[in-house]
Amino acid sequence: MRLYSILCALFLFSAPVQASFTLSSTAFNNNAPLPLKYSGKGQDLSPPLA
């Protein structure tokens, strides 16, 4: 039980980890509106993602 308490304390008080994530698509430009065909109001298609 003591080991569990130590592990919980280490988890709670450890420095946050920053992760990066990049998602891109050829279906639309950066900061541009989502094309209607990829929305629920259009054809509801999934855009190609990379």
Protein backbone atom coordinates (compact mmCIF):
# COMPACT_ATOMS: atom_id res chain seq x y z
CA MET A 1 0.00 0.00 0.00
CA ARG A 2 2.91 2.34 0.73
CA LEU A 3 4.33 1.85 -2.76
CA TYR A 4 0.92 2.71 -4.23
CA SER A 5 0.85 5.94 -2.20
CA ILE A 6 4.35 6.88 -3.36
CA LEU A 7 3.47 6.21 -7.01
CA CYS A 8 0.29 8.28 -6.71
CA ALA A 9 2.23 11.17 -5.18
CA LEU A 10 4.85 11.01 -7.93
CA PHE A 11 2.12 11.04 -10.57
CA LEU A 12 0.23 13.94 -9.01
CA PHE A 13 3.25 16.14 -8.37
CA SER A 14 5.37 15.41 -11.44
CA ALA A 15 5.91 18.06 -14.08
CA PRO A 16 3.37 18.02 -16.93
CA VAL A 17 4.56 16.48 -20.17
CA GLN A 18 4.04 18.43 -23.36
CA ALA A 19 3.34 16.52 -26.53
CA SER A 20 3.02 17.81 -30.05
CA PHE A 21 0.48 16.67 -32.58
CA THR A 22 0.21 17.71 -36.22
CA LEU A 23 -2.78 16.97 -38.41
CA SER A 24 -3.02 18.09 -42.02
CA SER A 25 -5.34 17.66 -44.97
CA THR A 26 -5.27 18.45 -48.66
CA ALA A 27 -9.03 19.03 -48.58
CA PHE A 28 -8.81 22.55 -47.11
CA ASN A 29 -6.28 25.24 -46.21
CA ASN A 30 -4.96 26.12 -42.77
CA ASN A 31 -7.42 28.33 -40.81
CA ALA A 32 -9.95 28.08 -43.66
CA PRO A 33 -13.56 27.04 -43.10
CA LEU A 34 -14.38 23.37 -43.46
CA PRO A 35 -15.81 22.73 -46.95
CA LEU A 36 -19.53 21.98 -46.82
CA LYS A 37 -19.14 18.48 -48.28
CA TYR A 38 -17.10 17.49 -45.19
CA SER A 39 -19.71 18.79 -42.75
CA GLY A 40 -22.93 17.35 -41.39
CA LYS A 41 -24.84 19.85 -43.52
CA GLY A 42 -23.21 18.57 -46.72
CA GLN A 43 -22.32 15.06 -47.78
CA ASP A 44 -20.78 14.35 -44.34
CA LEU A 45 -17.63 12.87 -45.93
CA SER A 46 -14.37 12.37 -44.07
CA PRO A 47 -11.59 14.57 -45.46
CA PRO A 48 -8.25 12.96 -46.32
CA LEU A 49 -5.98 13.34 -43.29
CA ALA A 50 -2.23 13.01 -42.90
